[in-house]
Amino acid sequence: MGIQERERKMYRPLRRAGIEVIPNAVPDGTIPFVLGYGPEDVVGGFSHRYETPRLVERLNEDWYDLAVSSGLFDRQREFLVLLPEGARTHAAFLQDLHRGRRAAPAVWTRVRLLERWDIMGRGAASAFLGIRAGHPGFGMMALDSSVYIRCSTGERGVDVVAVGHPDRSEKILRQLEWFASWRDNSDRGLQERIAVWLAGRAPRAASRSDR
């Protein structure tokens, strides 16, 4: 997919939601994916039922409070968000998942939160951060990997959790090791990225233990 098509299909809708994409700027050594965290890893979160009055507004307010308190943003309000390769939407990802098809892989993309934003409304409606307004779904992470924020929709409402230092969680690391070695997994690209990250992490962990 060309740059112009990606700009038209993905970057513009996200910009209207208050998120500016910064291409090719993900920090080196970023954990490729967060999988299998436990209750001990959770450092914050909230839930709202769909019938909550002013749902989108409440979701936006609580997301921003959680993002600030957990340290999602840097000084320029930049952070990472999982976006599909190419221009496959979150809605298409869910359709593929429900139909048993291989979903388009998601990768970290660096973004900046603009002054005027609407993550849970326009962002979700863009189909890259959810299905429609008030039905968001996304993964976000601080540039230094200090916190991971996951938003998902269920039958009754929206759940958001913040996971502290996912790259240090023993449970997450064990799940990533299992995923990278799973022979029947169809997402070989993600497996390879995880395997490379785990291999590069081992020398760093060893050097820290020698201090």
C-alpha atoms as a PDB file:
ATOM      1  CA  MET A   1       0.000   0.000   0.000  1.00  0.00           C
ATOM      2  CA  GLY A   2       1.308   3.423  -0.993  1.00  0.00           C
ATOM      3  CA  ILE A   3       1.862   6.338   1.338  1.00  0.00           C
ATOM      4  CA  GLN A   4      -0.905   8.412  -0.259  1.00  0.00           C
ATOM      5  CA  GLU A   5      -3.484   5.659   0.118  1.00  0.00           C
ATOM      6  CA  ARG A   6      -2.534   5.077   3.749  1.00  0.00           C
ATOM      7  CA  GLU A   7      -2.764   8.812   4.352  1.00  0.00           C
ATOM      8  CA  ARG A   8      -6.248   8.936   2.871  1.00  0.00           C
ATOM      9  CA  LYS A   9      -7.638   5.759   4.431  1.00  0.00           C
ATOM     10  CA  MET A  10      -6.005   5.781   7.870  1.00  0.00           C
ATOM     11  CA  TYR A  11      -4.147   8.953   8.798  1.00  0.00           C
ATOM     12  CA  ARG A  12      -6.910  11.424   7.914  1.00  0.00           C
ATOM     13  CA  PRO A  13      -9.659   9.677   9.908  1.00  0.00           C
ATOM     14  CA  LEU A  14      -7.335   9.408  12.889  1.00  0.00           C
ATOM     15  CA  ARG A  15      -6.383  13.078  12.589  1.00  0.00           C
ATOM     16  CA  ARG A  16     -10.060  14.019  12.676  1.00  0.00           C
ATOM     17  CA  ALA A  17     -10.227  12.111  15.967  1.00  0.00           C
ATOM     18  CA  GLY A  18      -7.292  14.123  17.322  1.00  0.00           C
ATOM     19  CA  ILE A  19      -4.456  11.677  16.694  1.00  0.00           C
ATOM     20  CA  GLU A  20      -1.557  12.646  14.448  1.00  0.00           C
ATOM     21  CA  VAL A  21       0.440   9.719  13.082  1.00  0.00           C
ATOM     22  CA  ILE A  22       4.249   9.997  13.191  1.00  0.00           C
ATOM     23  CA  PRO A  23       5.452   7.365  10.689  1.00  0.00           C
ATOM     24  CA  ASN A  24       8.547   5.214  11.200  1.00  0.00           C
ATOM     25  CA  ALA A  25       9.320   6.497  14.694  1.00  0.00           C
ATOM     26  CA  VAL A  26       8.727   3.578  17.061  1.00  0.00           C
ATOM     27  CA  PRO A  27      11.554   3.390  19.653  1.00  0.00           C
ATOM     28  CA  ASP A  28      14.022   0.547  19.226  1.00  0.00           C
ATOM     29  CA  GLY A  29      13.505  -2.349  21.606  1.00  0.00           C
ATOM     30  CA  THR A  30       9.751  -1.848  22.008  1.00  0.00           C
ATOM     31  CA  ILE A  31       7.922  -5.006  23.059  1.00  0.00           C
ATOM     32  CA  PRO A  32       6.115  -6.136  19.863  1.00  0.00           C
ATOM     33  CA  PHE A  33       2.910  -7.284  21.521  1.00  0.00           C
ATOM     34  CA  VAL A  34       1.368  -7.628  24.978  1.00  0.00           C
ATOM     35  CA  LEU A  35      -0.187 -10.985  25.729  1.00  0.00           C
ATOM     36  CA  GLY A  36      -1.412 -12.804  28.829  1.00  0.00           C
ATOM     37  CA  TYR A  37      -1.056 -10.248  31.618  1.00  0.00           C
ATOM     38  CA  GLY A  38      -2.420 -11.128  35.050  1.00  0.00           C
ATOM     39  CA  PRO A  39      -4.251  -9.224  37.809  1.00  0.00           C
ATOM     40  CA  GLU A  40      -0.921  -8.516  39.474  1.00  0.00           C
ATOM     41  CA  ASP A  41       0.155  -6.543  36.389  1.00  0.00           C
ATOM     42  CA  VAL A  42      -2.878  -4.236  36.319  1.00  0.00           C
ATOM     43  CA  VAL A  43      -2.238  -0.740  37.724  1.00  0.00           C
ATOM     44  CA  GLY A  44      -5.543   0.926  36.870  1.00  0.00           C
ATOM     45  CA  GLY A  45      -8.646   0.851  34.755  1.00  0.00           C
ATOM     46  CA  PHE A  46     -12.380   1.472  34.518  1.00  0.00           C
ATOM     47  CA  SER A  47     -15.580   0.075  33.030  1.00  0.00           C
ATOM     48  CA  HIS A  48     -18.796   1.627  31.743  1.00  0.00           C
ATOM     49  CA  ARG A  49     -21.988  -0.063  30.637  1.00  0.00           C
ATOM     50  CA  TYR A  50     -23.432   0.931  27.271  1.00  0.00           C
ATOM     51  CA  GLU A  51     -26.462   2.518  28.940  1.00  0.00           C
ATOM     52  CA  THR A  52     -24.252   4.942  30.899  1.00  0.00           C
ATOM     53  CA  PRO A  53     -25.466   8.537  30.329  1.00  0.00           C
ATOM     54  CA  ARG A  54     -23.091  10.594  28.186  1.00  0.00           C
ATOM     55  CA  LEU A  55     -21.163   7.380  27.470  1.00  0.00           C
ATOM     56  CA  VAL A  56     -18.669   8.755  24.937  1.00  0.00           C
ATOM     57  CA  GLU A  57     -17.931  11.795  27.078  1.00  0.00           C
ATOM     58  CA  ARG A  58     -17.433   9.672  30.201  1.00  0.00           C
ATOM     59  CA  LEU A  59     -15.183   7.243  28.333  1.00  0.00           C
ATOM     60  CA  ASN A  60     -13.068  10.100  26.984  1.00  0.00           C
ATOM     61  CA  GLU A  61     -12.734  11.708  30.420  1.00  0.00           C
ATOM     62  CA  ASP A  62     -11.754   8.485  32.165  1.00  0.00           C
ATOM     63  CA  TRP A  63      -9.372   7.443  29.378  1.00  0.00           C
ATOM     64  CA  TYR A  64      -7.531  10.767  29.571  1.00  0.00           C
ATOM     65  CA  ASP A  65      -7.337  10.648  33.378  1.00  0.00           C
ATOM     66  CA  LEU A  66      -5.953   7.110  33.218  1.00  0.00           C
ATOM     67  CA  ALA A  67      -3.499   8.024  30.451  1.00  0.00           C
ATOM     68  CA  VAL A  68      -2.146  10.963  32.461  1.00  0.00           C
ATOM     69  CA  SER A  69      -1.999   9.180  35.814  1.00  0.00           C
ATOM     70  CA  SER A  70      -0.340   6.068  34.373  1.00  0.00           C
ATOM     71  CA  GLY A  71       2.228   7.969  32.286  1.00  0.00           C
ATOM     72  CA  LEU A  72       1.042   7.048  28.791  1.00  0.00           C
ATOM     73  CA  PHE A  73       2.077  10.408  27.286  1.00  0.00           C
ATOM     74  CA  ASP A  74       5.535  11.924  27.033  1.00  0.00           C
ATOM     75  CA  ARG A  75       6.085  15.701  27.205  1.00  0.00           C
ATOM     76  CA  GLN A  76       4.865  16.157  23.629  1.00  0.00           C
ATOM     77  CA  ARG A  77       1.817  13.949  24.349  1.00  0.00           C
ATOM     78  CA  GLU A  78       3.245  11.230  22.123  1.00  0.00           C
ATOM     79  CA  PHE A  79       2.630   7.520  22.631  1.00  0.00           C
ATOM     80  CA  LEU A  80       2.198   4.274  20.676  1.00  0.00           C
ATOM     81  CA  VAL A  81      -0.988   2.736  19.329  1.00  0.00           C
ATOM     82  CA  LEU A  82      -1.526  -0.630  17.673  1.00  0.00           C
ATOM     83  CA  LEU A  83      -2.681  -0.155  14.090  1.00  0.00           C
ATOM     84  CA  PRO A  84      -3.131  -2.778  11.383  1.00  0.00           C
ATOM     85  CA  GLU A  85      -0.538  -3.055   8.663  1.00  0.00           C
ATOM     86  CA  GLY A  86      -1.855  -1.625   5.433  1.00  0.00           C
ATOM     87  CA  ALA A  87      -5.219   0.021   5.986  1.00  0.00           C
ATOM     88  CA  ARG A  88      -7.317  -2.813   7.389  1.00  0.00           C
ATOM     89  CA  THR A  89      -9.768  -1.451   9.952  1.00  0.00           C
ATOM     90  CA  HIS A  90     -10.516  -2.716  13.431  1.00  0.00           C
ATOM     91  CA  ALA A  91     -13.978  -3.698  12.215  1.00  0.00           C
ATOM     92  CA  ALA A  92     -12.453  -5.809   9.428  1.00  0.00           C
ATOM     93  CA  PHE A  93     -10.120  -7.369  11.995  1.00  0.00           C
ATOM     94  CA  LEU A  94     -13.090  -8.442  14.124  1.00  0.00           C
ATOM     95  CA  GLN A  95     -14.929  -9.813  11.086  1.00  0.00           C
ATOM     96  CA  ASP A  96     -11.896 -11.895  10.145  1.00  0.00           C
ATOM     97  CA  LEU A  97     -11.600 -13.105  13.729  1.00  0.00           C
ATOM     98  CA  HIS A  98     -15.247 -14.147  13.968  1.00  0.00           C
ATOM     99  CA  ARG A  99     -15.122 -15.907  10.600  1.00  0.00           C
ATOM    100  CA  GLY A 100     -12.001 -17.850  11.503  1.00  0.00           C
ATOM    101  CA  ARG A 101      -9.840 -16.020   8.984  1.00  0.00           C
ATOM    102  CA  ARG A 102      -6.327 -14.802   9.560  1.00  0.00           C
ATOM    103  CA  ALA A 103      -6.551 -11.247  10.839  1.00  0.00           C
ATOM    104  CA  ALA A 104      -4.298  -8.513   9.508  1.00  0.00           C
ATOM    105  CA  PRO A 105      -1.307  -8.130  11.862  1.00  0.00           C
ATOM    106  CA  ALA A 106      -1.206  -5.070  14.080  1.00  0.00           C
ATOM    107  CA  VAL A 107       1.994  -3.110  14.658  1.00  0.00           C
ATOM    108  CA  TRP A 108       2.970  -0.235  16.909  1.00  0.00           C
ATOM    109  CA  THR A 109       2.688   3.223  15.404  1.00  0.00           C
ATOM    110  CA  ARG A 110       3.882   6.419  17.042  1.00  0.00           C
ATOM    111  CA  VAL A 111       1.229   9.110  17.405  1.00  0.00           C
ATOM    112  CA  ARG A 112       0.668  12.500  19.043  1.00  0.00           C
ATOM    113  CA  LEU A 113      -2.511  13.559  20.823  1.00  0.00           C
ATOM    114  CA  LEU A 114      -3.692  16.885  19.406  1.00  0.00           C
ATOM    115  CA  GLU A 115      -5.364  19.659  21.381  1.00  0.00           C
ATOM    116  CA  ARG A 116      -8.826  18.696  20.176  1.00  0.00           C
ATOM    117  CA  TRP A 117      -9.507  14.972  20.319  1.00  0.00           C
ATOM    118  CA  ASP A 118     -12.320  12.441  20.605  1.00  0.00           C
ATOM    119  CA  ILE A 119     -10.842   8.975  21.056  1.00  0.00           C
ATOM    120  CA  MET A 120     -14.010   7.181  22.123  1.00  0.00           C
ATOM    121  CA  GLY A 121     -16.278   8.928  19.635  1.00  0.00           C
ATOM    122  CA  ARG A 122     -14.642   9.844  16.338  1.00  0.00           C
ATOM    123  CA  GLY A 123     -11.661   7.619  17.068  1.00  0.00           C
ATOM    124  CA  ALA A 124     -13.832   4.550  17.532  1.00  0.00           C
ATOM    125  CA  ALA A 125     -15.988   5.557  14.570  1.00  0.00           C
ATOM    126  CA  SER A 126     -12.893   5.758  12.361  1.00  0.00           C
ATOM    127  CA  ALA A 127     -12.868   1.934  12.622  1.00  0.00           C
ATOM    128  CA  PHE A 128      -9.186   1.966  13.601  1.00  0.00           C
ATOM    129  CA  LEU A 129      -9.816   2.509  17.322  1.00  0.00           C
ATOM    130  CA  GLY A 130     -13.070   0.592  17.558  1.00  0.00           C
ATOM    131  CA  ILE A 131     -16.252  -0.353  15.756  1.00  0.00           C
ATOM    132  CA  ARG A 132     -18.344   2.786  16.152  1.00  0.00           C
ATOM    133  CA  ALA A 133     -18.711   5.715  18.538  1.00  0.00           C
ATOM    134  CA  GLY A 134     -19.026   4.415  22.082  1.00  0.00           C
ATOM    135  CA  HIS A 135     -17.704   0.983  21.078  1.00  0.00           C
ATOM    136  CA  PRO A 136     -13.894   1.431  21.145  1.00  0.00           C
ATOM    137  CA  GLY A 137     -11.204  -1.207  20.900  1.00  0.00           C
ATOM    138  CA  PHE A 138      -7.464  -0.509  20.930  1.00  0.00           C
ATOM    139  CA  GLY A 139      -4.052  -1.082  22.451  1.00  0.00           C
ATOM    140  CA  MET A 140      -1.812   1.837  23.469  1.00  0.00           C
ATOM    141  CA  MET A 141       1.596   2.036  25.116  1.00  0.00           C
ATOM    142  CA  ALA A 142       4.022   4.645  26.441  1.00  0.00           C
ATOM    143  CA  LEU A 143       7.130   5.287  24.353  1.00  0.00           C
ATOM    144  CA  ASP A 144       9.291   3.837  27.139  1.00  0.00           C
ATOM    145  CA  SER A 145       7.008   0.769  27.493  1.00  0.00           C
ATOM    146  CA  SER A 146       6.228   1.739  31.102  1.00  0.00           C
ATOM    147  CA  VAL A 147       2.484   1.234  30.667  1.00  0.00           C
ATOM    148  CA  TYR A 148       0.156  -0.554  28.269  1.00  0.00           C
ATOM    149  CA  ILE A 149      -3.523   0.436  28.021  1.00  0.00           C
ATOM    150  CA  ARG A 150      -6.036  -1.960  26.511  1.00  0.00           C
ATOM    151  CA  CYS A 151      -9.627  -1.090  25.660  1.00  0.00           C
ATOM    152  CA  SER A 152     -12.192  -3.725  24.698  1.00  0.00           C
ATOM    153  CA  THR A 153     -15.949  -3.946  24.241  1.00  0.00           C
ATOM    154  CA  GLY A 154     -18.058  -6.763  25.595  1.00  0.00           C
ATOM    155  CA  GLU A 155     -21.728  -7.648  25.576  1.00  0.00           C
ATOM    156  CA  ARG A 156     -22.590  -5.172  28.325  1.00  0.00           C
ATOM    157  CA  GLY A 157     -20.030  -2.407  28.160  1.00  0.00           C
ATOM    158  CA  VAL A 158     -16.526  -1.068  27.677  1.00  0.00           C
ATOM    159  CA  ASP A 159     -13.541  -2.217  29.745  1.00  0.00           C
ATOM    160  CA  VAL A 160     -10.206  -0.398  29.945  1.00  0.00           C
ATOM    161  CA  VAL A 161      -7.162  -1.642  31.865  1.00  0.00           C
ATOM    162  CA  ALA A 162      -3.651  -0.267  32.361  1.00  0.00           C
ATOM    163  CA  VAL A 163      -0.777  -2.743  32.677  1.00  0.00           C
ATOM    164  CA  GLY A 164       2.433  -1.546  34.272  1.00  0.00           C
ATOM    165  CA  HIS A 165       5.803  -2.335  32.650  1.00  0.00           C
ATOM    166  CA  PRO A 166       4.579  -5.154  30.374  1.00  0.00           C
ATOM    167  CA  ASP A 167       8.129  -5.792  29.180  1.00  0.00           C
ATOM    168  CA  ARG A 168       9.096  -6.822  32.718  1.00  0.00           C
ATOM    169  CA  SER A 169       6.099  -8.996  33.594  1.00  0.00           C
ATOM    170  CA  GLU A 170       7.090 -12.629  34.071  1.00  0.00           C
ATOM    171  CA  LYS A 171       3.632 -13.792  33.043  1.00  0.00           C
ATOM    172  CA  ILE A 172       3.642 -11.736  29.843  1.00  0.00           C
ATOM    173  CA  LEU A 173       7.162 -12.877  28.978  1.00  0.00           C
ATOM    174  CA  ARG A 174       6.180 -16.524  29.435  1.00  0.00           C
ATOM    175  CA  GLN A 175       3.161 -16.041  27.171  1.00  0.00           C
ATOM    176  CA  LEU A 176       5.306 -14.381  24.506  1.00  0.00           C
ATOM    177  CA  GLU A 177       7.818 -17.230  24.645  1.00  0.00           C
ATOM    178  CA  TRP A 178       4.977 -19.723  24.209  1.00  0.00           C
ATOM    179  CA  PHE A 179       3.488 -17.721  21.326  1.00  0.00           C
ATOM    180  CA  ALA A 180       6.824 -17.417  19.536  1.00  0.00           C
ATOM    181  CA  SER A 181       7.329 -21.190  19.646  1.00  0.00           C
ATOM    182  CA  TRP A 182       3.763 -22.249  18.797  1.00  0.00           C
ATOM    183  CA  ARG A 183       4.027 -24.287  15.595  1.00  0.00           C
ATOM    184  CA  ASP A 184       0.385 -24.049  14.563  1.00  0.00           C
ATOM    185  CA  ASN A 185       0.179 -20.254  14.679  1.00  0.00           C
ATOM    186  CA  SER A 186      -0.508 -18.625  11.314  1.00  0.00           C
ATOM    187  CA  ASP A 187       0.927 -15.199  12.216  1.00  0.00           C
ATOM    188  CA  ARG A 188       4.553 -15.992  11.439  1.00  0.00           C
ATOM    189  CA  GLY A 189       5.504 -12.354  11.071  1.00  0.00           C
ATOM    190  CA  LEU A 190       4.472 -11.516  14.630  1.00  0.00           C
ATOM    191  CA  GLN A 191       6.127 -14.682  15.900  1.00  0.00           C
ATOM    192  CA  GLU A 192       9.389 -13.657  14.286  1.00  0.00           C
ATOM    193  CA  ARG A 193       9.202 -10.126  15.718  1.00  0.00           C
ATOM    194  CA  ILE A 194       8.576 -11.522  19.187  1.00  0.00           C
ATOM    195  CA  ALA A 195      11.417 -14.062  18.870  1.00  0.00           C
ATOM    196  CA  VAL A 196      13.844 -11.324  17.791  1.00  0.00           C
ATOM    197  CA  TRP A 197      12.729  -9.085  20.665  1.00  0.00           C
ATOM    198  CA  LEU A 198      13.097 -11.884  23.219  1.00  0.00           C
ATOM    199  CA  ALA A 199      16.563 -12.743  21.903  1.00  0.00           C
ATOM    200  CA  GLY A 200      17.635  -9.106  22.108  1.00  0.00           C
ATOM    201  CA  ARG A 201      16.200  -8.776  25.596  1.00  0.00           C
ATOM    202  CA  ALA A 202      18.229 -11.649  27.062  1.00  0.00           C
ATOM    203  CA  PRO A 203      21.636  -9.867  26.984  1.00  0.00           C
ATOM    204  CA  ARG A 204      20.095  -6.733  28.531  1.00  0.00           C
ATOM    205  CA  ALA A 205      18.535  -8.733  31.344  1.00  0.00           C
ATOM    206  CA  ALA A 206      21.829 -10.524  31.985  1.00  0.00           C
ATOM    207  CA  SER A 207      23.778  -7.253  32.117  1.00  0.00           C
ATOM    208  CA  ARG A 208      21.320  -5.790  34.644  1.00  0.00           C
ATOM    209  CA  SER A 209      21.698  -8.846  36.876  1.00  0.00           C
ATOM    210  CA  ASP A 210      25.496  -8.344  36.953  1.00  0.00           C
ATOM    211  CA  ARG A 211      25.239  -4.837  38.363  1.00  0.00           C
END
